[in-house]
Amino acid sequence: MADKGGIAADRLRTFVERIERLEADRTAIATDVREVLSEAKSAGFDVPTIRQVVKLRRMDQQDLQERDALLDLYRDVMEM
């Protein structure tokens, strides 16, 4: 392993290349997600609502229940 200024060049290069591959994957995945959302919109679904559903499904069940309870309370206070 070549050291330059106390830095293992091969190891650094490996990290940088892994990050570059992951960023490329992230870009490809974001493109795929946009395409699926576009398909959903074409089928008549509301994209912002789909995004919200995805966000809610990622949440822990307890956190979701607490959020819903607060939302209900706030709606009640606002007479909505």
Protein backbone atom coordinates (compact mmCIF):
# COMPACT_ATOMS: atom_id res chain seq x y z
CA MET A 1 0.00 0.00 0.00
CA ALA A 2 1.48 3.34 -1.01
CA ASP A 3 1.56 5.97 1.69
CA LYS A 4 1.67 9.61 0.83
CA GLY A 5 1.78 12.10 3.64
CA GLY A 6 0.77 9.37 6.08
CA ILE A 7 -2.33 8.48 4.05
CA ALA A 8 -2.80 4.99 2.64
CA ALA A 9 -3.55 5.93 -0.97
CA ASP A 10 -5.07 2.59 -1.98
CA ARG A 11 -7.45 2.59 0.95
CA LEU A 12 -8.50 6.19 0.31
CA ARG A 13 -9.06 5.43 -3.37
CA THR A 14 -11.25 2.44 -2.41
CA PHE A 15 -13.42 4.61 -0.15
CA VAL A 16 -13.79 7.31 -2.80
CA GLU A 17 -14.72 4.78 -5.49
CA ARG A 18 -17.29 3.11 -3.22
CA ILE A 19 -18.88 6.49 -2.49
CA GLU A 20 -18.97 7.30 -6.20
CA ARG A 21 -20.72 3.99 -6.97
CA LEU A 22 -23.26 4.56 -4.18
CA GLU A 23 -23.99 8.08 -5.41
CA ALA A 24 -24.55 6.73 -8.92
CA ASP A 25 -26.90 4.09 -7.48
CA ARG A 26 -28.75 6.77 -5.52
CA THR A 27 -29.24 8.80 -8.70
CA ALA A 28 -30.54 5.75 -10.56
CA ILE A 29 -32.93 4.90 -7.72
CA ALA A 30 -34.23 8.48 -7.58
CA THR A 31 -34.92 8.28 -11.31
CA ASP A 32 -36.76 4.98 -10.84
CA VAL A 33 -38.87 6.45 -8.02
CA ARG A 34 -39.81 9.44 -10.20
CA GLU A 35 -40.86 7.06 -12.98
CA VAL A 36 -43.08 5.04 -10.63
CA LEU A 37 -44.66 8.22 -9.27
CA SER A 38 -45.27 9.38 -12.83
CA GLU A 39 -46.99 6.07 -13.61
CA ALA A 40 -49.12 6.44 -10.49
CA LYS A 41 -50.09 9.98 -11.49
CA SER A 42 -51.01 8.77 -14.99
CA ALA A 43 -53.23 6.14 -13.36
CA GLY A 44 -55.08 8.90 -11.49
CA PHE A 45 -53.41 8.68 -8.08
CA ASP A 46 -52.42 11.75 -6.06
CA VAL A 47 -48.60 11.79 -5.89
CA PRO A 48 -48.23 13.96 -2.75
CA THR A 49 -50.54 11.59 -0.90
CA ILE A 50 -48.56 8.58 -2.10
CA ARG A 51 -45.36 10.24 -0.83
CA GLN A 52 -47.05 10.82 2.54
CA VAL A 53 -48.18 7.19 2.74
CA VAL A 54 -44.63 6.01 2.01
CA LYS A 55 -43.31 8.32 4.73
CA LEU A 56 -45.89 7.07 7.24
CA ARG A 57 -45.13 3.41 6.45
CA ARG A 58 -41.48 4.02 7.33
CA MET A 59 -42.41 5.32 10.78
CA ASP A 60 -42.35 3.23 13.93
CA GLN A 61 -45.90 2.22 14.90
CA GLN A 62 -45.70 3.95 18.30
CA ASP A 63 -44.39 7.18 16.74
CA LEU A 64 -47.16 7.04 14.17
CA GLN A 65 -49.84 6.61 16.85
CA GLU A 66 -48.41 9.54 18.84
CA ARG A 67 -48.34 11.70 15.71
CA ASP A 68 -51.92 10.81 14.85
CA ALA A 69 -53.08 11.54 18.40
CA LEU A 70 -51.43 14.97 18.31
CA LEU A 71 -52.88 15.69 14.90
CA ASP A 72 -56.36 14.76 16.16
CA LEU A 73 -55.87 16.99 19.21
CA TYR A 74 -54.70 19.93 17.10
CA ARG A 75 -57.61 19.49 14.68
CA ASP A 76 -60.03 19.42 17.59
CA VAL A 77 -58.53 22.61 19.06
CA MET A 78 -58.74 24.27 15.64
CA GLU A 79 -62.34 22.99 15.27
CA MET A 80 -61.51 21.25 12.01
